[in-house]
């Protein structure tokens, strides 16, 4: 997966979705509208935090958790506090300015 671009001033657990490279537990996955990432470019939420469960064989099974999901304490990065009580829905578009504003709460 490609880390969130530096223009967004985020690092860590925000990722672009790329085929064949599943996210890890705790990741939030975004599909960019464009791979050229200007300030304020919209991102579409396509999946949320991965849930890790133990299957019947004792192996860990990772599942995407989609739909409405509270990403409180999940969105972290260099100098970026956790979001508190922010909800994003699958398919919802957000922009970098909005994400920055939300993290200042």
N, C-alpha and C. Protein backbone atom coordinates (compact mmCIF):
# COMPACT_ATOMS: atom_id res chain seq x y z
N UNK A 1 0.82 -1.18 0.00
CA UNK A 1 0.00 0.00 0.00
C UNK A 1 0.87 1.25 0.00
N UNK A 2 0.35 2.27 -0.59
CA UNK A 2 1.07 3.53 -0.65
C UNK A 2 0.67 4.40 0.53
N UNK A 3 1.63 4.89 1.31
CA UNK A 3 1.26 5.76 2.43
C UNK A 3 0.55 7.02 1.95
N UNK A 4 -0.25 7.56 2.81
CA UNK A 4 -0.95 8.81 2.53
C UNK A 4 0.07 9.86 2.13
N UNK A 5 -0.21 10.68 1.13
CA UNK A 5 0.80 11.61 0.61
C UNK A 5 1.21 12.67 1.63
N UNK A 6 2.46 13.10 1.58
CA UNK A 6 2.94 14.10 2.52
C UNK A 6 2.21 15.44 2.42
N UNK A 7 1.59 15.71 1.26
CA UNK A 7 0.85 16.96 1.13
C UNK A 7 -0.31 17.01 2.11
N UNK A 8 -0.77 15.82 2.56
CA UNK A 8 -1.85 15.78 3.52
C UNK A 8 -1.38 15.93 4.95
N UNK A 9 -0.06 15.95 5.16
CA UNK A 9 0.53 16.07 6.48
C UNK A 9 0.08 14.96 7.42
N UNK A 10 -0.23 13.81 6.87
CA UNK A 10 -0.57 12.65 7.66
C UNK A 10 0.44 11.56 7.36
N UNK A 11 0.64 10.70 8.30
CA UNK A 11 1.53 9.56 8.09
C UNK A 11 0.98 8.40 8.88
N UNK A 12 1.36 7.22 8.53
CA UNK A 12 0.99 6.08 9.33
C UNK A 12 -0.19 5.33 8.77
N UNK A 13 -1.34 5.45 9.40
CA UNK A 13 -2.39 4.51 9.14
C UNK A 13 -3.48 4.96 8.17
N UNK A 14 -3.16 5.86 7.26
CA UNK A 14 -4.07 6.17 6.16
C UNK A 14 -3.41 5.69 4.88
N UNK A 15 -4.14 4.94 4.07
CA UNK A 15 -3.53 4.34 2.90
C UNK A 15 -4.41 4.46 1.67
N UNK A 16 -3.74 4.50 0.52
CA UNK A 16 -4.44 4.30 -0.73
C UNK A 16 -4.66 2.80 -0.89
N UNK A 17 -5.77 2.43 -1.46
CA UNK A 17 -6.02 1.02 -1.72
C UNK A 17 -5.30 0.61 -3.00
N UNK A 18 -4.59 -0.47 -2.93
CA UNK A 18 -3.94 -1.03 -4.11
C UNK A 18 -4.24 -2.52 -4.16
N UNK A 19 -4.59 -3.04 -5.35
CA UNK A 19 -4.95 -4.46 -5.46
C UNK A 19 -3.83 -5.37 -4.97
N UNK A 20 -4.21 -6.43 -4.27
CA UNK A 20 -3.26 -7.44 -3.85
C UNK A 20 -2.43 -7.06 -2.64
N UNK A 21 -2.70 -5.94 -2.02
CA UNK A 21 -1.93 -5.52 -0.86
C UNK A 21 -2.89 -5.14 0.26
N UNK A 22 -3.38 -6.13 1.00
CA UNK A 22 -4.41 -5.85 2.01
C UNK A 22 -3.88 -4.99 3.14
N UNK A 23 -4.73 -4.14 3.70
CA UNK A 23 -4.33 -3.31 4.83
C UNK A 23 -4.16 -4.14 6.09
N UNK A 24 -3.54 -3.57 7.06
CA UNK A 24 -3.32 -4.24 8.34
C UNK A 24 -4.39 -3.83 9.35
N UNK A 25 -4.44 -4.54 10.44
CA UNK A 25 -5.37 -4.20 11.50
C UNK A 25 -5.10 -2.76 11.94
N UNK A 26 -6.15 -1.97 12.04
CA UNK A 26 -6.01 -0.59 12.47
C UNK A 26 -5.90 0.41 11.34
N UNK A 27 -5.77 -0.07 10.10
CA UNK A 27 -5.63 0.85 8.97
C UNK A 27 -6.98 1.40 8.54
N UNK A 28 -6.96 2.60 8.00
CA UNK A 28 -8.12 3.18 7.35
C UNK A 28 -7.75 3.35 5.89
N UNK A 29 -8.59 2.88 5.00
CA UNK A 29 -8.24 2.80 3.58
C UNK A 29 -9.04 3.82 2.78
N UNK A 30 -8.33 4.60 1.98
CA UNK A 30 -8.96 5.58 1.11
C UNK A 30 -8.64 5.28 -0.33
N UNK A 31 -9.59 5.55 -1.22
CA UNK A 31 -9.32 5.48 -2.66
C UNK A 31 -9.21 6.91 -3.15
N UNK A 32 -8.08 7.31 -3.69
CA UNK A 32 -7.95 8.69 -4.17
C UNK A 32 -8.77 8.88 -5.44
N UNK A 33 -9.31 10.07 -5.61
CA UNK A 33 -9.98 10.41 -6.86
C UNK A 33 -8.95 10.53 -7.97
N UNK A 34 -7.74 10.89 -7.58
CA UNK A 34 -6.66 11.06 -8.53
C UNK A 34 -5.35 10.79 -7.80
N UNK A 35 -4.37 10.22 -8.49
CA UNK A 35 -3.08 9.99 -7.83
C UNK A 35 -2.21 11.24 -7.84
N UNK A 36 -2.67 12.27 -8.56
CA UNK A 36 -2.04 13.58 -8.45
C UNK A 36 -2.81 14.26 -7.32
N UNK A 37 -2.13 14.53 -6.21
CA UNK A 37 -2.84 14.90 -4.98
C UNK A 37 -2.69 16.38 -4.67
N UNK A 38 -3.51 17.24 -5.27
CA UNK A 38 -3.45 18.66 -4.92
C UNK A 38 -4.12 18.90 -3.58
N UNK A 39 -3.82 20.03 -2.98
CA UNK A 39 -4.45 20.40 -1.72
C UNK A 39 -5.97 20.42 -1.90
N UNK A 40 -6.68 19.81 -0.96
CA UNK A 40 -8.13 19.79 -1.01
C UNK A 40 -8.72 18.72 -1.90
N UNK A 41 -7.89 17.83 -2.44
CA UNK A 41 -8.41 16.77 -3.29
C UNK A 41 -9.30 15.84 -2.47
N UNK A 42 -10.41 15.40 -3.04
CA UNK A 42 -11.31 14.52 -2.29
C UNK A 42 -10.80 13.08 -2.24
N UNK A 43 -11.10 12.41 -1.16
CA UNK A 43 -10.78 11.00 -1.00
C UNK A 43 -12.06 10.27 -0.66
N UNK A 44 -12.23 9.09 -1.22
CA UNK A 44 -13.42 8.32 -0.95
C UNK A 44 -13.09 7.21 0.04
N UNK A 45 -13.85 7.16 1.11
CA UNK A 45 -13.64 6.11 2.10
C UNK A 45 -14.20 4.82 1.54
N UNK A 46 -13.36 3.80 1.38
CA UNK A 46 -13.84 2.53 0.83
C UNK A 46 -13.83 1.41 1.85
N UNK A 47 -13.09 1.57 2.91
CA UNK A 47 -13.04 0.53 3.94
C UNK A 47 -12.52 1.17 5.21
N UNK A 48 -12.80 0.50 6.31
CA UNK A 48 -12.40 1.07 7.57
C UNK A 48 -11.44 0.15 8.30
N UNK A 49 -11.39 0.28 9.58
CA UNK A 49 -10.45 -0.48 10.39
C UNK A 49 -10.63 -1.97 10.15
N UNK A 50 -9.52 -2.65 10.02
CA UNK A 50 -9.54 -4.10 9.85
C UNK A 50 -9.85 -4.76 11.19
N UNK A 51 -10.71 -5.76 11.15
CA UNK A 51 -11.00 -6.54 12.35
C UNK A 51 -10.26 -7.87 12.24
N UNK A 52 -9.60 -8.27 13.28
CA UNK A 52 -8.85 -9.52 13.27
C UNK A 52 -9.54 -10.50 14.21
N UNK A 53 -9.96 -11.63 13.67
CA UNK A 53 -10.65 -12.64 14.47
C UNK A 53 -9.92 -13.97 14.38
N UNK A 54 -10.16 -14.83 15.34
CA UNK A 54 -9.56 -16.17 15.35
C UNK A 54 -10.54 -17.12 14.68
N UNK A 55 -10.10 -17.84 13.63
CA UNK A 55 -11.01 -18.76 12.97
C UNK A 55 -11.01 -20.11 13.69
N UNK A 56 -11.80 -21.05 13.16
CA UNK A 56 -11.98 -22.34 13.83
C UNK A 56 -10.70 -23.16 13.88
N UNK A 57 -9.74 -22.87 13.00
CA UNK A 57 -8.46 -23.59 12.98
C UNK A 57 -7.41 -22.91 13.85
N UNK A 58 -7.80 -21.86 14.56
CA UNK A 58 -6.85 -21.17 15.42
C UNK A 58 -5.97 -20.17 14.69
N UNK A 59 -6.34 -19.86 13.43
CA UNK A 59 -5.59 -18.86 12.67
C UNK A 59 -6.30 -17.53 12.72
N UNK A 60 -5.54 -16.46 12.57
CA UNK A 60 -6.15 -15.14 12.55
C UNK A 60 -6.73 -14.85 11.18
N UNK A 61 -7.95 -14.35 11.16
CA UNK A 61 -8.63 -14.01 9.93
C UNK A 61 -8.88 -12.51 9.95
N UNK A 62 -8.39 -11.80 8.95
CA UNK A 62 -8.56 -10.35 8.89
C UNK A 62 -9.71 -10.00 7.97
N UNK A 63 -10.59 -9.13 8.45
CA UNK A 63 -11.75 -8.74 7.67
C UNK A 63 -11.83 -7.23 7.60
N UNK A 64 -12.26 -6.74 6.44
CA UNK A 64 -12.53 -5.31 6.32
C UNK A 64 -13.84 -5.01 7.02
N UNK A 65 -13.84 -3.96 7.78
CA UNK A 65 -15.07 -3.50 8.41
C UNK A 65 -15.55 -2.30 7.61
N UNK A 66 -16.67 -2.46 6.91
CA UNK A 66 -17.19 -1.37 6.09
C UNK A 66 -18.51 -0.87 6.66
N UNK A 67 -19.07 0.11 6.00
CA UNK A 67 -20.28 0.73 6.51
C UNK A 67 -19.91 1.85 7.47
N UNK A 68 -20.87 2.32 8.23
CA UNK A 68 -20.59 3.40 9.18
C UNK A 68 -19.70 2.87 10.29
N UNK A 69 -18.66 3.59 10.56
CA UNK A 69 -17.71 3.13 11.57
C UNK A 69 -17.12 4.32 12.28
N UNK A 70 -17.09 4.26 13.58
CA UNK A 70 -16.52 5.35 14.37
C UNK A 70 -15.01 5.20 14.36
N UNK A 71 -14.30 6.19 13.77
CA UNK A 71 -12.85 6.06 13.66
C UNK A 71 -12.14 6.77 14.80
N UNK A 72 -12.86 7.03 15.87
CA UNK A 72 -12.24 7.62 17.05
C UNK A 72 -11.02 6.79 17.45
N UNK A 73 -9.94 7.46 17.76
CA UNK A 73 -8.66 6.92 18.20
C UNK A 73 -7.94 6.09 17.15
N UNK A 74 -8.47 5.99 15.95
CA UNK A 74 -7.83 5.18 14.92
C UNK A 74 -6.99 6.01 13.95
N UNK A 75 -7.35 7.26 13.76
CA UNK A 75 -6.64 8.09 12.78
C UNK A 75 -5.46 8.75 13.46
N UNK A 76 -4.26 8.27 13.20
CA UNK A 76 -3.07 8.78 13.86
C UNK A 76 -1.97 9.05 12.84
N UNK A 77 -1.08 9.93 13.16
CA UNK A 77 0.04 10.21 12.28
C UNK A 77 1.01 11.13 12.98
N UNK A 78 2.03 11.52 12.30
CA UNK A 78 3.03 12.40 12.88
C UNK A 78 2.39 13.76 13.17
N UNK A 79 2.31 14.11 14.43
CA UNK A 79 1.73 15.38 14.81
C UNK A 79 0.23 15.47 14.63
N UNK A 80 -0.41 14.34 14.40
CA UNK A 80 -1.86 14.33 14.17
C UNK A 80 -2.54 13.62 15.34
N UNK A 81 -3.33 14.35 16.12
CA UNK A 81 -4.03 13.71 17.23
C UNK A 81 -5.12 12.77 16.71
N UNK A 82 -5.57 11.89 17.57
CA UNK A 82 -6.65 10.98 17.19
C UNK A 82 -7.94 11.76 16.97
N UNK A 83 -8.72 11.30 16.02
CA UNK A 83 -10.04 11.90 15.84
C UNK A 83 -10.94 11.42 16.97
N UNK A 84 -11.77 12.30 17.46
CA UNK A 84 -12.67 11.94 18.55
C UNK A 84 -14.11 11.98 18.07
N UNK A 85 -14.73 10.84 18.00
CA UNK A 85 -16.13 10.79 17.66
C UNK A 85 -16.48 11.19 16.24
N UNK A 86 -15.54 11.12 15.33
CA UNK A 86 -15.81 11.46 13.94
C UNK A 86 -16.30 10.21 13.22
N UNK A 87 -17.37 10.36 12.46
CA UNK A 87 -17.88 9.21 11.73
C UNK A 87 -17.77 9.46 10.23
N UNK A 88 -17.24 8.48 9.53
CA UNK A 88 -17.20 8.52 8.07
C UNK A 88 -17.92 7.27 7.58
N UNK A 89 -18.63 7.40 6.48
CA UNK A 89 -19.35 6.27 5.92
C UNK A 89 -18.68 5.79 4.64
N UNK A 90 -18.87 4.52 4.33
CA UNK A 90 -18.33 3.97 3.11
C UNK A 90 -18.83 4.78 1.93
N UNK A 91 -17.93 5.20 1.04
CA UNK A 91 -18.29 5.98 -0.12
C UNK A 91 -18.32 7.47 0.13
N UNK A 92 -18.18 7.89 1.38
CA UNK A 92 -18.19 9.32 1.68
C UNK A 92 -16.88 9.96 1.22
N UNK A 93 -16.97 11.15 0.68
CA UNK A 93 -15.76 11.84 0.25
C UNK A 93 -15.35 12.88 1.28
N UNK A 94 -14.07 12.97 1.49
CA UNK A 94 -13.51 13.96 2.42
C UNK A 94 -12.34 14.63 1.71
N UNK A 95 -11.95 15.79 2.18
CA UNK A 95 -10.77 16.43 1.60
C UNK A 95 -9.74 16.67 2.70
N UNK A 96 -8.55 17.01 2.28
CA UNK A 96 -7.44 17.15 3.23
C UNK A 96 -7.71 18.25 4.23
N UNK A 97 -8.29 19.36 3.78
CA UNK A 97 -8.57 20.48 4.69
C UNK A 97 -9.56 20.06 5.77
N UNK A 98 -10.56 19.30 5.38
CA UNK A 98 -11.55 18.82 6.35
C UNK A 98 -10.91 17.89 7.36
N UNK A 99 -10.07 16.98 6.89
CA UNK A 99 -9.40 16.07 7.80
C UNK A 99 -8.54 16.83 8.80
N UNK A 100 -7.83 17.84 8.33
CA UNK A 100 -7.00 18.64 9.24
C UNK A 100 -7.84 19.38 10.26
N UNK A 101 -8.97 19.94 9.78
CA UNK A 101 -9.85 20.66 10.70
C UNK A 101 -10.41 19.72 11.77
N UNK A 102 -10.79 18.53 11.38
CA UNK A 102 -11.35 17.57 12.32
C UNK A 102 -10.32 17.15 13.37
N UNK A 103 -9.06 17.07 12.97
CA UNK A 103 -8.04 16.63 13.93
C UNK A 103 -7.69 17.72 14.94
N UNK A 104 -8.13 18.95 14.70
CA UNK A 104 -7.81 20.04 15.63
C UNK A 104 -8.82 20.14 16.77
N UNK A 105 -9.87 19.34 16.74
CA UNK A 105 -10.90 19.40 17.78
C UNK A 105 -10.33 19.03 19.14
